[in-house]
Amino acid sequence: MRSLCKFSLTGPRLWSVEGTAADHAVVLWLTWQSLTSRWSRMFPNSSLSGSIEIPDDATFWMPRPTDISGDGIGAYFHDTWLIKDVPVREARELRQKERRIAEIVDRLAPTAEDFDRLAGAVEGDFDPDLPSGGCNLTSTELAALREYLPADEDEPTALDSLELGVAGLAYALTTVRIIPTASCRGHPGERPWSDVPVVFFAATEFRAKALQLLAKSTGCRFGIDTARPDLIALEGRSILDTMALADAILVNRHTFIRSRSGQ
């Protein structure tokens, strides 16, 4: 069930993960608390049914060239494209932009429906040739979001055609050689593609297990979609969880590198 959660963010403080697994869990819990304690208004929030651990029936693999087409990986989704080998600097820049947009939308949106409308404007719904951009933007909303809205139809969207709250996570995953295959920030309504923020991905077992600790410490959960059993779904209760996980991955990329001793 969708509700609204109240948080405040003035800028996350993240710690690097070192030491034992127990140390990692404590450090990441503190990271997540630092994020969640600073949000002051509303984000759509939903309950999760997934697991804090990678499901036992998960498939671990990396796509071969024959699995990849112009629409992404396999025939699992429509309107997707392959995202891989994103430079770390580019991923960090997109996360910074995503954070700023989230702060603005959070400040402006009193309801889940308003959040969806404002986020959609930034993601590509805004048409500069239509009154209010075709998104029913007020003058206040338009002024606040202007920097992130296209001036013409040929200008790329602020988040590279990805959605607010999962764009940074998709990019962060690629920096540790995990391949995102589809993503959605979650939408209100009776039949949304997803009602929670989610990123589907393919990964080796080692990298998936490295991701597991970070996901657990940022409130995210794993699942398997029976229609897409070869992929792992990574979900958050709100985009606060998925954005926190994106930041944790970028800070702790070294945990995805297998030691030479193999331990």
Protein backbone atom coordinates (compact mmCIF):
# COMPACT_ATOMS: atom_id res chain seq x y z
CA MET A 1 0.00 0.00 0.00
CA ARG A 2 1.29 3.42 -0.96
CA SER A 3 1.60 6.12 1.68
CA LEU A 4 3.68 9.22 2.17
CA CYS A 5 6.88 9.30 4.18
CA LYS A 6 8.39 12.41 5.73
CA PHE A 7 12.12 13.01 5.42
CA SER A 8 14.61 15.85 4.93
CA LEU A 9 17.89 16.02 3.03
CA THR A 10 20.47 18.78 3.07
CA GLY A 11 23.20 16.61 1.61
CA PRO A 12 24.28 13.05 2.42
CA ARG A 13 27.36 12.14 4.39
CA LEU A 14 28.76 8.78 3.31
CA TRP A 15 31.42 6.59 4.83
CA SER A 16 33.75 4.17 3.10
CA VAL A 17 33.26 0.53 4.00
CA GLU A 18 36.29 -1.16 5.54
CA GLY A 19 36.83 -3.89 8.11
CA THR A 20 34.66 -6.90 8.90
CA ALA A 21 31.16 -7.63 7.62
CA ALA A 22 29.78 -6.54 11.00
CA ASP A 23 31.67 -3.26 10.73
CA HIS A 24 30.24 -2.78 7.24
CA ALA A 25 26.68 -3.21 8.48
CA VAL A 26 27.10 -0.65 11.27
CA VAL A 27 28.76 1.91 9.01
CA LEU A 28 26.12 1.57 6.30
CA TRP A 29 23.28 1.75 8.79
CA LEU A 30 24.72 5.05 10.00
CA THR A 31 24.97 6.22 6.38
CA TRP A 32 21.32 5.42 5.77
CA GLN A 33 20.29 7.13 9.02
CA SER A 34 22.23 10.23 7.95
CA LEU A 35 20.21 10.36 4.75
CA THR A 36 16.77 9.59 6.13
CA SER A 37 16.99 11.98 9.07
CA ARG A 38 17.31 15.02 6.83
CA TRP A 39 14.25 14.83 4.57
CA SER A 40 11.51 17.22 5.68
CA ARG A 41 8.55 16.72 3.31
CA MET A 42 6.98 13.92 1.31
CA PHE A 43 8.01 11.06 -0.98
CA PRO A 44 5.67 8.26 -2.13
CA ASN A 45 6.35 5.29 0.13
CA SER A 46 5.28 1.65 -0.26
CA SER A 47 5.69 -1.57 1.68
CA LEU A 48 8.01 -4.23 0.27
CA SER A 49 7.58 -8.00 -0.02
CA GLY A 50 11.11 -8.82 -1.11
CA SER A 51 14.01 -10.34 0.82
CA ILE A 52 17.02 -8.70 2.43
CA GLU A 53 19.08 -11.48 0.84
CA ILE A 54 19.50 -12.55 -2.77
CA PRO A 55 16.80 -15.20 -3.40
CA ASP A 56 18.02 -18.81 -3.50
CA ASP A 57 16.61 -19.26 -7.00
CA ALA A 58 18.44 -16.22 -8.42
CA THR A 59 20.35 -16.67 -11.67
CA PHE A 60 23.86 -15.25 -11.81
CA TRP A 61 25.17 -14.40 -15.26
CA MET A 62 26.57 -11.67 -17.47
CA PRO A 63 25.02 -10.96 -20.87
CA ARG A 64 26.80 -12.18 -23.98
CA PRO A 65 26.84 -10.11 -27.18
CA THR A 66 24.03 -12.29 -28.54
CA ASP A 67 21.86 -11.34 -25.54
CA ILE A 68 22.15 -7.63 -26.28
CA SER A 69 20.16 -5.68 -28.85
CA GLY A 70 19.32 -2.05 -29.46
CA ASP A 71 16.50 -2.45 -26.93
CA GLY A 72 18.78 -3.68 -24.16
CA ILE A 73 19.11 -7.22 -22.87
CA GLY A 74 16.91 -9.96 -24.26
CA ALA A 75 13.20 -9.56 -24.90
CA TYR A 76 12.26 -8.85 -21.32
CA PHE A 77 11.16 -5.24 -21.60
CA HIS A 78 10.01 -2.57 -24.03
CA ASP A 79 11.51 0.91 -24.42
CA THR A 80 14.79 0.00 -22.73
CA TRP A 81 18.38 0.35 -23.88
CA LEU A 82 21.75 -1.01 -22.85
CA ILE A 83 23.58 0.94 -20.14
CA LYS A 84 27.08 -0.25 -19.31
CA ASP A 85 30.62 0.98 -18.63
CA VAL A 86 29.47 4.38 -17.33
CA PRO A 87 32.53 6.35 -16.10
CA VAL A 88 32.53 6.89 -12.35
CA ARG A 89 32.70 10.66 -12.74
CA GLU A 90 29.64 10.63 -15.00
CA ALA A 91 27.72 8.47 -12.54
CA ARG A 92 28.58 10.81 -9.68
CA GLU A 93 27.56 13.86 -11.67
CA LEU A 94 24.20 12.33 -12.52
CA ARG A 95 23.65 11.42 -8.85
CA GLN A 96 24.38 15.00 -7.80
CA LYS A 97 21.89 16.28 -10.34
CA GLU A 98 19.32 13.68 -9.29
CA ARG A 99 19.73 14.70 -5.64
CA ARG A 100 19.14 18.36 -6.45
CA ILE A 101 16.03 17.54 -8.51
CA ALA A 102 14.69 15.29 -5.75
CA GLU A 103 15.11 18.09 -3.22
CA ILE A 104 13.12 20.48 -5.43
CA VAL A 105 10.35 17.99 -6.20
CA ASP A 106 10.19 17.00 -2.54
CA ARG A 107 9.74 20.63 -1.54
CA LEU A 108 7.04 21.32 -4.13
CA ALA A 109 4.93 18.14 -4.04
CA PRO A 110 2.29 17.80 -1.29
CA THR A 111 0.87 14.51 -2.67
CA ALA A 112 2.02 11.36 -4.47
CA GLU A 113 0.17 12.53 -7.57
CA ASP A 114 1.98 15.88 -7.55
CA PHE A 115 5.29 14.09 -7.05
CA ASP A 116 4.53 11.93 -10.09
CA ARG A 117 3.58 14.96 -12.18
CA LEU A 118 6.66 17.01 -11.27
CA ALA A 119 9.07 14.11 -11.62
CA GLY A 120 7.49 13.26 -14.97
CA ALA A 121 8.09 16.81 -16.19
CA VAL A 122 11.83 16.45 -15.54
CA GLU A 123 11.94 12.94 -16.98
CA GLY A 124 10.56 13.88 -20.39
CA ASP A 125 6.87 14.76 -20.15
CA PHE A 126 7.59 18.48 -20.36
CA ASP A 127 6.90 20.02 -23.77
CA PRO A 128 8.25 23.59 -24.09
CA ASP A 129 5.78 24.29 -26.89
CA LEU A 130 2.71 23.66 -24.72
CA PRO A 131 1.20 25.86 -22.00
CA SER A 132 2.68 24.90 -18.61
CA GLY A 133 4.80 22.41 -20.53
CA GLY A 134 1.82 20.08 -20.82
CA CYS A 135 2.39 19.13 -17.16
CA ASN A 136 0.10 21.68 -15.48
CA LEU A 137 3.11 23.37 -13.91
CA THR A 138 2.42 26.45 -11.83
CA SER A 139 4.65 29.50 -12.22
CA THR A 140 6.38 28.57 -8.95
CA GLU A 141 7.00 24.99 -10.08
CA LEU A 142 8.21 26.12 -13.48
CA ALA A 143 10.67 28.58 -11.96
CA ALA A 144 12.02 26.00 -9.50
CA LEU A 145 12.51 23.29 -12.14
CA ARG A 146 13.54 25.49 -15.07
CA GLU A 147 17.21 24.46 -14.94
CA TYR A 148 16.23 20.81 -15.45
CA LEU A 149 13.58 21.25 -18.15
CA PRO A 150 14.44 21.15 -21.88
CA ALA A 151 14.36 24.39 -23.82
CA ASP A 152 13.41 22.53 -27.01
CA GLU A 153 12.41 19.02 -28.09
CA ASP A 154 15.95 18.15 -29.21
CA GLU A 155 17.52 18.81 -25.81
CA PRO A 156 18.21 15.64 -23.76
CA THR A 157 16.39 15.15 -20.48
CA ALA A 158 18.13 16.00 -17.23
CA LEU A 159 18.45 12.34 -16.17
CA ASP A 160 19.33 10.86 -19.57
CA SER A 161 15.78 9.56 -20.13
CA LEU A 162 15.81 7.63 -16.85
CA GLU A 163 13.46 8.21 -13.92
CA LEU A 164 14.03 10.20 -10.75
CA GLY A 165 15.30 8.08 -7.89
CA VAL A 166 16.48 5.13 -9.99
CA ALA A 167 18.61 6.91 -12.60
CA GLY A 168 21.55 7.28 -10.23
CA LEU A 169 21.25 3.67 -9.08
CA ALA A 170 21.27 2.36 -12.66
CA TYR A 171 24.42 4.36 -13.40
CA ALA A 172 26.08 3.40 -10.10
CA LEU A 173 25.50 -0.30 -10.77
CA THR A 174 27.31 -0.12 -14.09
CA THR A 175 30.43 1.30 -12.39
CA VAL A 176 30.79 -2.03 -10.54
CA ARG A 177 30.01 -4.11 -13.65
CA ILE A 178 26.42 -4.94 -12.74
CA ILE A 179 24.14 -4.54 -15.76
CA PRO A 180 20.78 -2.78 -15.21
CA THR A 181 18.13 -4.01 -17.61
CA ALA A 182 15.10 -1.90 -16.67
CA SER A 183 14.08 0.59 -14.01
CA CYS A 184 11.03 2.42 -12.68
CA ARG A 185 10.62 4.86 -9.79
CA GLY A 186 7.11 3.59 -9.04
CA HIS A 187 3.90 5.33 -10.06
CA PRO A 188 0.48 5.96 -8.51
CA GLY A 189 -2.66 4.61 -10.12
CA GLU A 190 -4.53 1.34 -10.43
CA ARG A 191 -2.20 -0.50 -12.82
CA PRO A 192 1.30 0.98 -12.74
CA TRP A 193 4.29 -0.83 -14.27
CA SER A 194 5.60 -0.82 -10.70
CA ASP A 195 4.29 0.80 -7.55
CA VAL A 196 7.74 0.84 -5.90
CA PRO A 197 11.15 2.04 -7.11
CA VAL A 198 12.83 -0.92 -8.80
CA VAL A 199 15.87 -1.74 -10.92
CA PHE A 200 16.22 -5.13 -12.61
CA PHE A 201 19.78 -6.30 -13.15
CA ALA A 202 22.11 -9.10 -14.23
CA ALA A 203 25.31 -9.81 -12.31
CA THR A 204 27.83 -12.44 -11.31
CA GLU A 205 27.26 -14.11 -7.94
CA PHE A 206 30.25 -12.34 -6.38
CA ARG A 207 29.02 -8.87 -7.33
CA ALA A 208 25.41 -9.65 -6.42
CA LYS A 209 26.51 -10.77 -2.95
CA ALA A 210 28.65 -7.63 -2.58
CA LEU A 211 25.56 -5.59 -3.44
CA GLN A 212 23.50 -7.50 -0.86
CA LEU A 213 25.19 -5.90 2.17
CA LEU A 214 24.80 -2.38 0.79
CA ALA A 215 21.16 -2.99 -0.15
CA LYS A 216 20.31 -4.38 3.27
CA SER A 217 21.84 -1.37 4.99
CA THR A 218 19.90 1.13 2.88
CA GLY A 219 16.49 -0.48 3.27
CA CYS A 220 16.34 -2.10 -0.18
CA ARG A 221 15.08 -5.61 -0.93
CA PHE A 222 15.60 -8.29 -3.61
CA GLY A 223 13.09 -10.32 -5.54
CA ILE A 224 12.53 -12.45 -8.64
CA ASP A 225 9.82 -11.66 -11.16
CA THR A 226 8.37 -14.96 -12.41
CA ALA A 227 8.01 -13.41 -15.88
CA ARG A 228 11.73 -12.55 -15.90
CA PRO A 229 13.40 -15.26 -13.77
CA ASP A 230 16.88 -14.64 -15.21
CA LEU A 231 16.99 -11.18 -13.66
CA ILE A 232 17.13 -9.95 -10.08
CA ALA A 233 14.82 -7.15 -8.96
CA LEU A 234 16.17 -4.57 -6.50
CA GLU A 235 13.43 -2.54 -4.79
CA GLY A 236 13.17 0.35 -2.36
CA ARG A 237 10.28 1.56 -0.23
CA SER A 238 10.77 4.99 -1.73
CA ILE A 239 13.34 6.66 -3.92
CA LEU A 240 15.12 7.64 -0.72
CA ASP A 241 16.23 4.00 -0.39
CA THR A 242 17.38 3.64 -3.99
CA MET A 243 19.23 6.96 -3.96
CA ALA A 244 20.97 6.01 -0.70
CA LEU A 245 22.03 2.72 -2.28
CA ALA A 246 23.40 4.52 -5.35
CA ASP A 247 25.56 6.71 -3.14
CA ALA A 248 26.71 3.72 -1.08
CA ILE A 249 27.80 1.86 -4.22
CA LEU A 250 29.78 4.83 -5.55
CA VAL A 251 31.57 5.29 -2.22
CA ASN A 252 32.24 1.57 -1.75
CA ARG A 253 33.16 0.41 -5.24
CA HIS A 254 36.22 -1.41 -3.85
CA THR A 255 33.94 -3.98 -2.16
CA PHE A 256 32.98 -5.27 -5.60
CA ILE A 257 36.57 -6.16 -6.48
CA ARG A 258 37.57 -9.72 -5.70
CA SER A 259 40.86 -9.98 -3.82
CA ARG A 260 43.74 -11.75 -5.54
CA SER A 261 43.61 -14.47 -2.93
CA GLY A 262 39.99 -15.08 -3.94
CA GLN A 263 38.77 -14.54 -0.37
